[in-house]
């Protein structure tokens, strides 16, 4: 299986001035590889989603 590395996205977000990235992977066992990958890049867990999602997957506050 090919492993995708989020480092390019993290670098670009920092360049654009982002101070927070909140990728959502889901909590089901199926998402465990994604959660482990993000942990390797320093991401941590949050108790609840950071906003509301609507059609198209755009995060709104």
Protein backbone atom coordinates (compact mmCIF):
# COMPACT_ATOMS: atom_id res chain seq x y z
CA UNK A 1 0.00 0.00 0.00
CA UNK A 2 1.29 3.47 -0.88
CA UNK A 3 1.63 5.84 2.07
CA UNK A 4 0.62 9.45 1.51
CA UNK A 5 2.59 11.96 3.56
CA UNK A 6 0.81 15.11 4.74
CA UNK A 7 4.08 17.08 5.01
CA UNK A 8 3.48 19.05 1.79
CA UNK A 9 0.03 20.11 2.99
CA UNK A 10 1.40 21.09 6.39
CA UNK A 11 4.18 23.15 4.80
CA UNK A 12 1.74 24.92 2.48
CA UNK A 13 -0.67 25.67 5.34
CA UNK A 14 2.15 27.23 7.37
CA UNK A 15 3.21 29.27 4.33
CA UNK A 16 -0.36 30.57 4.00
CA UNK A 17 -0.45 31.59 7.67
CA UNK A 18 -2.68 28.85 9.02
CA UNK A 19 -2.28 28.34 12.76
CA UNK A 20 -4.40 25.20 13.00
CA UNK A 21 -5.04 22.11 10.88
CA UNK A 22 -7.78 19.72 11.93
CA UNK A 23 -7.93 16.67 9.65
CA UNK A 24 -10.87 14.39 10.38
CA UNK A 25 -10.36 10.68 9.92
CA UNK A 26 -13.27 9.09 11.71
CA UNK A 27 -13.15 6.86 14.77
CA UNK A 28 -13.96 3.46 13.25
CA UNK A 29 -11.22 0.82 13.20
CA UNK A 30 -11.01 1.31 9.42
CA UNK A 31 -9.43 4.73 9.99
CA UNK A 32 -6.68 3.51 12.35
CA UNK A 33 -3.90 3.71 9.71
CA UNK A 34 -4.84 7.33 8.96
CA UNK A 35 -4.88 8.25 12.65
CA UNK A 36 -1.46 6.66 13.18
CA UNK A 37 -0.07 8.56 10.19
CA UNK A 38 -1.29 11.90 11.55
CA UNK A 39 0.11 11.06 14.99
CA UNK A 40 3.55 10.67 13.37
CA UNK A 41 3.25 14.26 12.16
CA UNK A 42 2.39 15.60 15.61
CA UNK A 43 -1.39 15.73 15.39
CA UNK A 44 -3.39 14.92 18.51
CA UNK A 45 -6.98 13.92 19.19
CA UNK A 46 -9.87 16.25 19.90
CA UNK A 47 -13.04 15.28 21.71
CA UNK A 48 -15.45 16.85 19.23
CA UNK A 49 -15.35 18.12 15.65
CA UNK A 50 -14.12 21.68 15.22
CA UNK A 51 -17.13 22.93 13.28
CA UNK A 52 -20.12 21.93 11.18
CA UNK A 53 -19.92 20.20 7.82
CA UNK A 54 -22.33 20.82 4.98
CA UNK A 55 -22.71 19.46 1.45
CA UNK A 56 -19.36 19.51 -0.30
CA UNK A 57 -17.31 18.94 2.86
CA UNK A 58 -16.63 22.62 3.51
CA UNK A 59 -16.01 23.39 7.17
CA UNK A 60 -18.13 26.21 8.56
CA UNK A 61 -17.98 27.82 11.98
